[in-house]
């Protein structure tokens, strides 16, 4: 092969986009939008319907980690409310074994909210010196309280334990959506 052409081609990736398969669905990774200690959140596109979703990947280093991660799935299944993010699907791949440094991965398929979080919106508005109107704040607060009430009305009740502006997503019309149910518990002390 021509040496000049080879020097160009060796730096080009001909592979397709990274994919995540969950059950019978395939998703193409568009970008990483969040990172935590043991998790990453991706914006993905459904291979079959071309819709955007968020996928949270949690890496589990032990069976205890895996059980804690599955607690988030259980919390999603229990809490059904218009102001709480809904779990679309999930999958767990592998079995963690710390003795041989093997992990499992939990994938949560969630709706994608392109507006981002209330935290980012507050920062943006602060920079523009354009705060929310009092009526908008009250309306959002009441909807967040309604979502929290859905946790507390369960039998036994759940506590979110990580409610903050960074864990409130916004719909296009500023409807707040509570997310990140990873720290939910029935035990509060």
N, C-alpha and C. Protein backbone atom coordinates (compact mmCIF):
# COMPACT_ATOMS: atom_id res chain seq x y z
N UNK A 1 0.85 -1.18 0.00
CA UNK A 1 0.00 0.00 0.00
C UNK A 1 0.90 1.24 0.00
N UNK A 2 0.46 2.27 -0.68
CA UNK A 2 1.17 3.53 -0.73
C UNK A 2 1.43 4.02 0.69
N UNK A 3 2.68 4.39 1.00
CA UNK A 3 3.05 4.79 2.35
C UNK A 3 2.31 6.05 2.80
N UNK A 4 2.09 7.00 1.92
CA UNK A 4 1.36 8.22 2.27
C UNK A 4 -0.09 7.93 2.63
N UNK A 5 -0.71 7.05 1.83
CA UNK A 5 -2.10 6.66 2.10
C UNK A 5 -2.18 5.90 3.41
N UNK A 6 -1.22 5.01 3.67
CA UNK A 6 -1.22 4.24 4.92
C UNK A 6 -1.08 5.15 6.12
N UNK A 7 -0.24 6.18 6.04
CA UNK A 7 -0.06 7.09 7.18
C UNK A 7 -1.35 7.84 7.50
N UNK A 8 -2.18 8.07 6.51
CA UNK A 8 -3.49 8.70 6.74
C UNK A 8 -4.47 7.70 7.33
N UNK A 9 -4.55 6.52 6.72
CA UNK A 9 -5.55 5.52 7.11
C UNK A 9 -5.30 4.91 8.48
N UNK A 10 -4.05 4.83 8.93
CA UNK A 10 -3.78 4.17 10.21
C UNK A 10 -4.34 4.97 11.39
N UNK A 11 -4.66 6.23 11.20
CA UNK A 11 -5.22 7.06 12.27
C UNK A 11 -6.73 7.23 12.16
N UNK A 12 -7.35 6.54 11.23
CA UNK A 12 -8.79 6.66 11.02
C UNK A 12 -9.49 5.42 11.58
N UNK A 13 -10.54 5.63 12.35
CA UNK A 13 -11.32 4.51 12.89
C UNK A 13 -12.48 4.20 11.95
N UNK A 14 -12.55 2.96 11.48
CA UNK A 14 -13.63 2.54 10.60
C UNK A 14 -14.72 1.80 11.35
N UNK A 15 -14.57 1.76 12.66
CA UNK A 15 -15.57 1.07 13.47
C UNK A 15 -16.81 1.96 13.59
N UNK A 16 -17.94 1.35 13.82
CA UNK A 16 -19.18 2.09 13.99
C UNK A 16 -19.26 2.68 15.39
N UNK A 17 -20.38 3.32 15.68
CA UNK A 17 -20.54 3.90 17.01
C UNK A 17 -20.60 2.80 18.07
N UNK A 18 -20.17 3.15 19.29
CA UNK A 18 -20.26 2.20 20.40
C UNK A 18 -21.73 1.83 20.60
N UNK A 19 -21.99 0.56 20.82
CA UNK A 19 -23.37 0.11 21.02
C UNK A 19 -23.51 -0.53 22.39
N UNK A 20 -24.73 -0.42 22.91
CA UNK A 20 -25.11 -1.09 24.15
C UNK A 20 -26.34 -1.91 23.82
N UNK A 21 -26.28 -3.20 24.11
CA UNK A 21 -27.43 -4.08 23.87
C UNK A 21 -28.09 -4.39 25.21
N UNK A 22 -29.38 -4.16 25.27
CA UNK A 22 -30.17 -4.45 26.48
C UNK A 22 -31.36 -5.26 26.04
N UNK A 23 -31.34 -6.52 26.44
CA UNK A 23 -32.35 -7.48 26.02
C UNK A 23 -32.38 -7.48 24.49
N UNK A 24 -33.52 -7.26 23.86
CA UNK A 24 -33.56 -7.33 22.40
C UNK A 24 -33.37 -5.96 21.74
N UNK A 25 -33.03 -4.95 22.52
CA UNK A 25 -32.85 -3.60 21.97
C UNK A 25 -31.38 -3.24 21.89
N UNK A 26 -31.05 -2.46 20.86
CA UNK A 26 -29.69 -2.00 20.67
C UNK A 26 -29.71 -0.47 20.66
N UNK A 27 -28.72 0.12 21.32
CA UNK A 27 -28.62 1.57 21.43
C UNK A 27 -27.23 2.02 20.99
N UNK A 28 -27.17 3.13 20.25
CA UNK A 28 -25.91 3.71 19.83
C UNK A 28 -25.55 4.85 20.77
N UNK A 29 -24.35 4.81 21.33
CA UNK A 29 -23.91 5.85 22.26
C UNK A 29 -23.60 7.12 21.47
N UNK A 30 -24.23 8.22 21.89
CA UNK A 30 -23.99 9.53 21.26
C UNK A 30 -22.93 10.32 22.05
N UNK A 31 -23.09 10.33 23.39
CA UNK A 31 -22.13 11.05 24.23
C UNK A 31 -22.30 10.66 25.69
N UNK A 32 -21.26 10.94 26.47
CA UNK A 32 -21.31 10.76 27.92
C UNK A 32 -21.80 12.07 28.51
N UNK A 33 -22.84 12.01 29.36
CA UNK A 33 -23.37 13.25 29.96
C UNK A 33 -23.21 13.30 31.47
N UNK A 34 -22.73 12.22 32.06
CA UNK A 34 -22.53 12.21 33.50
C UNK A 34 -21.60 11.10 33.92
N UNK A 35 -20.88 11.36 35.02
CA UNK A 35 -19.94 10.38 35.53
C UNK A 35 -19.93 10.45 37.03
N UNK A 36 -19.98 9.29 37.67
CA UNK A 36 -19.88 9.21 39.12
C UNK A 36 -18.76 8.26 39.48
N UNK A 37 -18.69 7.88 40.75
CA UNK A 37 -17.64 6.98 41.22
C UNK A 37 -17.66 5.64 40.51
N UNK A 38 -18.83 5.05 40.37
CA UNK A 38 -18.95 3.73 39.75
C UNK A 38 -19.98 3.71 38.63
N UNK A 39 -20.35 4.88 38.13
CA UNK A 39 -21.38 4.91 37.09
C UNK A 39 -21.06 5.95 36.02
N UNK A 40 -21.68 5.73 34.86
CA UNK A 40 -21.61 6.68 33.76
C UNK A 40 -23.00 6.79 33.17
N UNK A 41 -23.34 7.97 32.67
CA UNK A 41 -24.62 8.17 32.01
C UNK A 41 -24.35 8.61 30.58
N UNK A 42 -25.00 7.92 29.65
CA UNK A 42 -24.83 8.17 28.23
C UNK A 42 -26.13 8.67 27.62
N UNK A 43 -26.03 9.54 26.62
CA UNK A 43 -27.15 9.79 25.72
C UNK A 43 -26.99 8.77 24.62
N UNK A 44 -28.07 8.03 24.35
CA UNK A 44 -28.03 6.99 23.33
C UNK A 44 -29.20 7.16 22.37
N UNK A 45 -29.05 6.57 21.21
CA UNK A 45 -30.14 6.57 20.21
C UNK A 45 -30.58 5.13 19.99
N UNK A 46 -31.88 4.91 20.08
CA UNK A 46 -32.41 3.57 19.82
C UNK A 46 -32.13 3.18 18.38
N UNK A 47 -31.57 2.00 18.17
CA UNK A 47 -31.21 1.55 16.82
C UNK A 47 -32.44 1.36 15.95
N UNK A 48 -33.55 1.00 16.54
CA UNK A 48 -34.75 0.68 15.76
C UNK A 48 -35.72 1.85 15.64
N UNK A 49 -35.81 2.68 16.69
CA UNK A 49 -36.79 3.78 16.63
C UNK A 49 -36.14 5.16 16.53
N UNK A 50 -34.82 5.24 16.61
CA UNK A 50 -34.07 6.50 16.49
C UNK A 50 -34.39 7.53 17.58
N UNK A 51 -35.10 7.12 18.64
CA UNK A 51 -35.39 8.03 19.76
C UNK A 51 -34.18 8.12 20.68
N UNK A 52 -34.05 9.26 21.36
CA UNK A 52 -32.97 9.44 22.32
C UNK A 52 -33.40 8.95 23.70
N UNK A 53 -32.47 8.30 24.39
CA UNK A 53 -32.67 7.81 25.74
C UNK A 53 -31.42 8.15 26.55
N UNK A 54 -31.52 7.99 27.86
CA UNK A 54 -30.35 8.05 28.73
C UNK A 54 -30.13 6.63 29.25
N UNK A 55 -28.89 6.19 29.24
CA UNK A 55 -28.55 4.90 29.84
C UNK A 55 -27.54 5.14 30.94
N UNK A 56 -27.89 4.67 32.13
CA UNK A 56 -26.99 4.74 33.27
C UNK A 56 -26.32 3.37 33.41
N UNK A 57 -25.00 3.37 33.37
CA UNK A 57 -24.22 2.13 33.54
C UNK A 57 -23.57 2.17 34.91
N UNK A 58 -23.87 1.16 35.73
CA UNK A 58 -23.30 1.06 37.07
C UNK A 58 -22.37 -0.15 37.09
N UNK A 59 -21.11 0.06 37.45
CA UNK A 59 -20.14 -1.02 37.54
C UNK A 59 -20.15 -1.56 38.96
N UNK A 60 -20.36 -2.88 39.09
CA UNK A 60 -20.46 -3.54 40.40
C UNK A 60 -19.23 -4.42 40.60
N UNK A 61 -18.48 -4.15 41.67
CA UNK A 61 -17.26 -4.90 41.95
C UNK A 61 -17.48 -6.10 42.86
N UNK A 62 -18.65 -6.17 43.48
CA UNK A 62 -18.96 -7.29 44.38
C UNK A 62 -20.45 -7.57 44.31
N UNK A 63 -20.85 -8.69 44.90
CA UNK A 63 -22.29 -9.00 44.95
C UNK A 63 -23.04 -7.98 45.79
N UNK A 64 -22.40 -7.43 46.83
CA UNK A 64 -23.03 -6.37 47.62
C UNK A 64 -23.26 -5.12 46.77
N UNK A 65 -22.26 -4.75 45.96
CA UNK A 65 -22.42 -3.61 45.04
C UNK A 65 -23.59 -3.86 44.09
N UNK A 66 -23.65 -5.09 43.58
CA UNK A 66 -24.71 -5.43 42.63
C UNK A 66 -26.08 -5.34 43.29
N UNK A 67 -26.18 -5.81 44.52
CA UNK A 67 -27.45 -5.75 45.25
C UNK A 67 -27.86 -4.29 45.49
N UNK A 68 -26.88 -3.43 45.83
CA UNK A 68 -27.17 -2.01 46.02
C UNK A 68 -27.63 -1.37 44.71
N UNK A 69 -27.01 -1.75 43.61
CA UNK A 69 -27.41 -1.21 42.30
C UNK A 69 -28.81 -1.67 41.93
N UNK A 70 -29.12 -2.93 42.20
CA UNK A 70 -30.46 -3.44 41.90
C UNK A 70 -31.52 -2.79 42.77
N UNK A 71 -31.12 -2.23 43.91
CA UNK A 71 -32.05 -1.48 44.75
C UNK A 71 -32.62 -0.29 43.98
N UNK A 72 -31.82 0.31 43.11
CA UNK A 72 -32.30 1.42 42.30
C UNK A 72 -33.41 0.95 41.35
N UNK A 73 -33.23 -0.23 40.77
CA UNK A 73 -34.26 -0.80 39.89
C UNK A 73 -35.55 -1.02 40.69
N UNK A 74 -35.42 -1.62 41.88
CA UNK A 74 -36.60 -1.89 42.72
C UNK A 74 -37.31 -0.60 43.08
N UNK A 75 -36.55 0.45 43.38
CA UNK A 75 -37.16 1.75 43.71
C UNK A 75 -37.93 2.30 42.52
N UNK A 76 -37.35 2.20 41.34
CA UNK A 76 -38.05 2.64 40.12
C UNK A 76 -39.35 1.88 39.93
N UNK A 77 -39.31 0.59 40.17
CA UNK A 77 -40.51 -0.24 39.98
C UNK A 77 -41.61 0.12 40.97
N UNK A 78 -41.23 0.57 42.16
CA UNK A 78 -42.21 0.90 43.20
C UNK A 78 -42.82 2.29 43.00
N UNK A 79 -42.00 3.26 42.62
CA UNK A 79 -42.46 4.65 42.55
C UNK A 79 -42.92 4.97 41.13
N UNK A 80 -44.20 5.15 40.97
CA UNK A 80 -44.78 5.51 39.68
C UNK A 80 -45.48 6.86 39.86
N UNK A 81 -44.89 7.90 39.31
CA UNK A 81 -45.46 9.25 39.45
C UNK A 81 -44.97 10.11 38.29
N UNK A 82 -45.79 11.05 37.86
CA UNK A 82 -45.44 11.89 36.72
C UNK A 82 -44.23 12.79 36.97
N UNK A 83 -43.86 13.01 38.22
CA UNK A 83 -42.71 13.85 38.53
C UNK A 83 -41.50 13.04 39.02
N UNK A 84 -41.53 11.74 38.76
CA UNK A 84 -40.40 10.85 39.08
C UNK A 84 -40.03 10.13 37.79
N UNK A 85 -38.74 10.12 37.48
CA UNK A 85 -38.28 9.49 36.24
C UNK A 85 -38.70 8.02 36.21
N UNK A 86 -39.12 7.58 35.04
CA UNK A 86 -39.59 6.20 34.88
C UNK A 86 -38.50 5.33 34.25
N UNK A 87 -38.34 4.15 34.78
CA UNK A 87 -37.41 3.17 34.23
C UNK A 87 -38.07 2.52 33.02
N UNK A 88 -37.40 2.55 31.88
CA UNK A 88 -37.93 1.95 30.66
C UNK A 88 -37.54 0.48 30.58
N UNK A 89 -36.28 0.19 30.90
CA UNK A 89 -35.79 -1.19 30.85
C UNK A 89 -34.49 -1.25 31.63
N UNK A 90 -34.04 -2.46 31.92
CA UNK A 90 -32.74 -2.62 32.56
C UNK A 90 -32.17 -3.99 32.22
N UNK A 91 -30.87 -4.11 32.45
CA UNK A 91 -30.19 -5.38 32.21
C UNK A 91 -28.97 -5.43 33.10
N UNK A 92 -28.64 -6.62 33.56
CA UNK A 92 -27.40 -6.81 34.31
C UNK A 92 -26.55 -7.82 33.55
N UNK A 93 -25.30 -7.46 33.34
CA UNK A 93 -24.39 -8.31 32.58
C UNK A 93 -23.23 -8.75 33.46
N UNK A 94 -22.98 -10.04 33.48
CA UNK A 94 -21.84 -10.58 34.22
C UNK A 94 -22.14 -10.82 35.68
N UNK A 95 -21.15 -11.39 36.36
CA UNK A 95 -21.22 -11.66 37.79
C UNK A 95 -19.94 -11.13 38.41
N UNK A 96 -20.06 -10.26 39.42
CA UNK A 96 -18.85 -9.70 40.01
C UNK A 96 -18.08 -10.75 40.82
N UNK A 97 -16.77 -10.70 40.73
CA UNK A 97 -15.91 -11.57 41.52
C UNK A 97 -14.62 -10.82 41.82
N UNK A 98 -14.54 -10.22 43.02
CA UNK A 98 -13.36 -9.41 43.34
C UNK A 98 -12.06 -10.22 43.42
N UNK A 99 -12.16 -11.54 43.62
CA UNK A 99 -10.94 -12.34 43.73
C UNK A 99 -10.18 -12.42 42.41
N UNK A 100 -10.90 -12.30 41.29
CA UNK A 100 -10.25 -12.32 39.98
C UNK A 100 -10.47 -11.01 39.22
N UNK A 101 -10.87 -9.96 39.96
CA UNK A 101 -11.05 -8.62 39.40
C UNK A 101 -12.04 -8.59 38.24
N UNK A 102 -13.19 -9.25 38.43
CA UNK A 102 -14.25 -9.26 37.42
C UNK A 102 -15.43 -8.48 37.97
N UNK A 103 -16.03 -7.64 37.13
CA UNK A 103 -17.17 -6.83 37.54
C UNK A 103 -18.42 -7.24 36.77
N UNK A 104 -19.56 -6.79 37.29
CA UNK A 104 -20.80 -6.87 36.53
C UNK A 104 -21.21 -5.44 36.20
N UNK A 105 -22.10 -5.29 35.23
CA UNK A 105 -22.58 -3.97 34.84
C UNK A 105 -24.09 -3.98 34.83
N UNK A 106 -24.68 -3.00 35.50
CA UNK A 106 -26.12 -2.80 35.47
C UNK A 106 -26.39 -1.64 34.53
N UNK A 107 -27.30 -1.84 33.57
CA UNK A 107 -27.68 -0.80 32.63
C UNK A 107 -29.14 -0.43 32.88
N UNK A 108 -29.41 0.85 33.10
CA UNK A 108 -30.76 1.36 33.28
C UNK A 108 -31.11 2.22 32.07
N UNK A 109 -32.19 1.90 31.38
CA UNK A 109 -32.65 2.72 30.25
C UNK A 109 -33.70 3.67 30.79
N UNK A 110 -33.47 4.96 30.60
CA UNK A 110 -34.33 6.01 31.14
C UNK A 110 -34.69 7.00 30.03
N UNK A 111 -35.76 7.77 30.23
CA UNK A 111 -36.05 8.83 29.26
C UNK A 111 -34.91 9.85 29.25
N UNK A 112 -34.70 10.47 28.12
CA UNK A 112 -33.70 11.52 28.01
C UNK A 112 -34.39 12.88 28.07
N UNK A 113 -33.91 13.74 28.94
CA UNK A 113 -34.44 15.10 29.08
C UNK A 113 -33.36 16.08 28.62
N UNK A 114 -33.52 16.59 27.41
CA UNK A 114 -32.52 17.44 26.79
C UNK A 114 -32.28 18.76 27.49
N UNK A 115 -33.23 19.21 28.30
CA UNK A 115 -33.04 20.48 29.02
C UNK A 115 -32.01 20.36 30.12
N UNK A 116 -31.75 19.14 30.58
CA UNK A 116 -30.78 18.96 31.66
C UNK A 116 -31.42 19.11 33.03
N UNK A 117 -30.59 19.49 34.00
CA UNK A 117 -31.05 19.54 35.39
C UNK A 117 -31.46 20.94 35.82
N UNK A 118 -32.21 20.99 36.89
CA UNK A 118 -32.58 22.26 37.50
C UNK A 118 -31.32 23.01 37.93
N UNK A 119 -30.32 22.29 38.41
CA UNK A 119 -29.06 22.90 38.82
C UNK A 119 -28.43 23.69 37.66
N UNK A 120 -28.35 23.04 36.48
CA UNK A 120 -27.77 23.72 35.32
C UNK A 120 -28.62 24.90 34.87
N UNK A 121 -29.94 24.75 34.96
CA UNK A 121 -30.83 25.85 34.56
C UNK A 121 -30.67 27.04 35.51
N UNK A 122 -30.52 26.78 36.80
CA UNK A 122 -30.32 27.86 37.77
C UNK A 122 -28.99 28.57 37.51
N UNK A 123 -27.95 27.81 37.20
CA UNK A 123 -26.65 28.43 36.86
C UNK A 123 -26.77 29.29 35.61
N UNK A 124 -27.44 28.77 34.60
CA UNK A 124 -27.61 29.50 33.34
C UNK A 124 -28.37 30.80 33.57
N UNK A 125 -29.46 30.70 34.33
CA UNK A 125 -30.26 31.89 34.60
C UNK A 125 -29.50 32.90 35.46
N UNK A 126 -28.67 32.42 36.36
CA UNK A 126 -27.87 33.31 37.19
C UNK A 126 -26.90 34.12 36.33
N UNK A 127 -26.25 33.44 35.39
CA UNK A 127 -25.32 34.13 34.48
C UNK A 127 -26.04 35.17 33.64
N UNK A 128 -27.27 34.87 33.24
CA UNK A 128 -28.05 35.79 32.41
C UNK A 128 -28.82 36.82 33.24
N UNK A 129 -28.76 36.67 34.56
CA UNK A 129 -29.53 37.53 35.48
C UNK A 129 -31.01 37.52 35.13
N UNK A 130 -31.52 36.28 34.91
CA UNK A 130 -32.92 36.09 34.56
C UNK A 130 -33.50 34.99 35.45
N UNK A 131 -33.80 35.34 36.71
CA UNK A 131 -34.31 34.31 37.63
C UNK A 131 -35.72 33.85 37.25
N UNK A 132 -36.10 32.70 37.80
CA UNK A 132 -37.47 32.24 37.64
C UNK A 132 -38.41 33.22 38.33
N UNK A 133 -39.61 33.34 37.79
CA UNK A 133 -40.66 34.13 38.45
C UNK A 133 -41.10 33.37 39.71
N UNK A 134 -41.63 34.10 40.69
CA UNK A 134 -42.09 33.47 41.93
C UNK A 134 -43.13 32.39 41.65
N UNK A 135 -44.02 32.65 40.71
CA UNK A 135 -45.06 31.66 40.40
C UNK A 135 -44.45 30.39 39.78
N UNK A 136 -43.38 30.56 38.98
CA UNK A 136 -42.70 29.39 38.40
C UNK A 136 -42.02 28.56 39.49
N UNK A 137 -41.39 29.24 40.44
CA UNK A 137 -40.72 28.55 41.54
C UNK A 137 -41.74 27.77 42.36
N UNK A 138 -42.84 28.40 42.69
CA UNK A 138 -43.88 27.74 43.49
C UNK A 138 -44.46 26.55 42.74
N UNK A 139 -44.71 26.70 41.46
CA UNK A 139 -45.25 25.61 40.65
C UNK A 139 -44.28 24.42 40.62
N UNK A 140 -42.98 24.69 40.41
CA UNK A 140 -41.98 23.61 40.40
C UNK A 140 -41.89 22.94 41.77
N UNK A 141 -41.88 23.76 42.81
CA UNK A 141 -41.76 23.22 44.17
C UNK A 141 -42.94 22.30 44.50
N UNK A 142 -44.13 22.70 44.13
CA UNK A 142 -45.31 21.87 44.39
C UNK A 142 -45.22 20.54 43.64
N UNK A 143 -44.72 20.56 42.42
CA UNK A 143 -44.59 19.31 41.65
C UNK A 143 -43.48 18.42 42.22
N UNK A 144 -42.41 19.02 42.70
CA UNK A 144 -41.35 18.23 43.35
C UNK A 144 -41.91 17.59 44.62
N UNK A 145 -42.64 18.38 45.41
CA UNK A 145 -43.26 17.84 46.63
C UNK A 145 -44.23 16.71 46.31
N UNK A 146 -44.97 16.84 45.23
CA UNK A 146 -45.89 15.79 44.81
C UNK A 146 -45.13 14.51 44.48
N UNK A 147 -43.98 14.64 43.81
CA UNK A 147 -43.14 13.48 43.51
C UNK A 147 -42.58 12.85 44.77
N UNK A 148 -42.12 13.68 45.71
CA UNK A 148 -41.59 13.17 46.98
C UNK A 148 -42.69 12.45 47.75
N UNK A 149 -43.89 12.99 47.70
CA UNK A 149 -45.02 12.36 48.39
C UNK A 149 -45.27 10.94 47.87
N UNK A 150 -45.02 10.72 46.58
CA UNK A 150 -45.19 9.38 46.00
C UNK A 150 -44.24 8.37 46.66
N UNK A 151 -43.04 8.81 47.03
CA UNK A 151 -42.10 7.95 47.75
C UNK A 151 -42.63 7.64 49.15
N UNK A 152 -43.12 8.68 49.81
CA UNK A 152 -43.51 8.56 51.22
C UNK A 152 -44.84 7.84 51.41
N UNK A 153 -45.66 7.78 50.37
CA UNK A 153 -46.96 7.11 50.48
C UNK A 153 -46.87 5.59 50.28
N UNK A 154 -45.73 5.10 49.86
CA UNK A 154 -45.57 3.66 49.66
C UNK A 154 -45.64 2.94 51.00
N UNK A 155 -45.91 1.65 50.95
CA UNK A 155 -45.96 0.84 52.17
C UNK A 155 -45.00 -0.33 52.03
N UNK A 156 -43.83 -0.28 52.63
CA UNK A 156 -43.33 0.77 53.51
C UNK A 156 -42.86 1.98 52.70
N UNK A 157 -42.82 3.15 53.34
CA UNK A 157 -42.41 4.36 52.64
C UNK A 157 -40.93 4.32 52.25
N UNK A 158 -40.61 5.01 51.17
CA UNK A 158 -39.22 5.15 50.73
C UNK A 158 -38.76 6.58 50.98
N UNK A 159 -37.47 6.73 51.28
CA UNK A 159 -36.84 8.04 51.36
C UNK A 159 -35.86 8.15 50.19
N UNK A 160 -35.89 9.24 49.45
CA UNK A 160 -35.00 9.43 48.31
C UNK A 160 -33.55 9.58 48.76
N UNK A 161 -33.31 10.39 49.77
CA UNK A 161 -32.03 10.60 50.42
C UNK A 161 -30.97 11.34 49.61
N UNK A 162 -31.31 11.82 48.42
CA UNK A 162 -30.33 12.58 47.65
C UNK A 162 -31.03 13.63 46.79
N UNK A 163 -32.04 14.25 47.37
CA UNK A 163 -32.82 15.25 46.63
C UNK A 163 -32.05 16.57 46.61
N UNK A 164 -31.72 17.02 45.42
CA UNK A 164 -31.00 18.28 45.22
C UNK A 164 -31.26 18.74 43.80
N UNK A 165 -30.92 19.98 43.50
CA UNK A 165 -31.22 20.53 42.18
C UNK A 165 -30.53 19.74 41.06
N UNK A 166 -29.38 19.13 41.35
CA UNK A 166 -28.68 18.33 40.34
C UNK A 166 -29.39 17.01 40.06
N UNK A 167 -30.35 16.63 40.91
CA UNK A 167 -31.12 15.40 40.71
C UNK A 167 -32.57 15.69 40.33
N UNK A 168 -32.80 16.88 39.79
CA UNK A 168 -34.11 17.25 39.25
C UNK A 168 -33.90 17.60 37.78
N UNK A 169 -34.49 16.80 36.90
CA UNK A 169 -34.45 17.08 35.47
C UNK A 169 -35.60 18.01 35.11
N UNK A 170 -35.49 18.69 33.98
CA UNK A 170 -36.56 19.58 33.53
C UNK A 170 -37.07 19.16 32.17
N UNK A 171 -38.39 19.10 32.06
CA UNK A 171 -39.01 18.90 30.75
C UNK A 171 -39.01 20.24 30.02
N UNK A 172 -39.40 20.24 28.78
CA UNK A 172 -39.40 21.46 27.96
C UNK A 172 -40.23 22.57 28.60
N UNK A 173 -41.34 22.19 29.27
CA UNK A 173 -42.22 23.18 29.90
C UNK A 173 -41.86 23.46 31.35
N UNK A 174 -40.65 23.12 31.78
CA UNK A 174 -40.14 23.31 33.14
C UNK A 174 -40.77 22.37 34.17
N UNK A 175 -41.46 21.33 33.74
CA UNK A 175 -41.97 20.34 34.69
C UNK A 175 -40.77 19.61 35.30
N UNK A 176 -40.68 19.59 36.64
CA UNK A 176 -39.54 18.91 37.28
C UNK A 176 -39.74 17.40 37.35
N UNK A 177 -38.65 16.67 37.16
CA UNK A 177 -38.66 15.20 37.20
C UNK A 177 -37.54 14.76 38.16
N UNK A 178 -37.92 14.11 39.25
CA UNK A 178 -36.94 13.62 40.22
C UNK A 178 -36.21 12.42 39.63
N UNK A 179 -34.88 12.44 39.73
CA UNK A 179 -34.08 11.33 39.20
C UNK A 179 -33.11 10.82 40.26
N UNK A 180 -32.32 9.84 39.87
CA UNK A 180 -31.27 9.22 40.68
C UNK A 180 -31.83 8.61 41.96
N UNK A 181 -32.45 7.45 41.79
CA UNK A 181 -33.06 6.74 42.90
C UNK A 181 -32.09 5.76 43.55
N UNK A 182 -30.80 5.92 43.30
CA UNK A 182 -29.79 4.99 43.79
C UNK A 182 -29.62 4.94 45.28
N UNK A 183 -30.00 5.99 46.00
CA UNK A 183 -29.83 6.00 47.46
C UNK A 183 -31.14 5.81 48.21
N UNK A 184 -32.20 5.47 47.48
CA UNK A 184 -33.50 5.26 48.13
C UNK A 184 -33.43 4.13 49.15
N UNK A 185 -34.13 4.31 50.26
CA UNK A 185 -34.15 3.28 51.29
C UNK A 185 -35.43 3.38 52.11
N UNK A 186 -35.77 2.27 52.75
CA UNK A 186 -36.89 2.30 53.70
C UNK A 186 -36.37 2.56 55.11
N UNK A 187 -35.05 2.43 55.29
CA UNK A 187 -34.44 2.64 56.60
C UNK A 187 -33.87 4.05 56.68
N UNK A 188 -34.41 4.85 57.57
CA UNK A 188 -33.91 6.21 57.76
C UNK A 188 -33.58 6.38 59.23
N UNK A 189 -32.32 6.69 59.53
CA UNK A 189 -31.92 6.96 60.90
C UNK A 189 -30.83 7.97 60.94
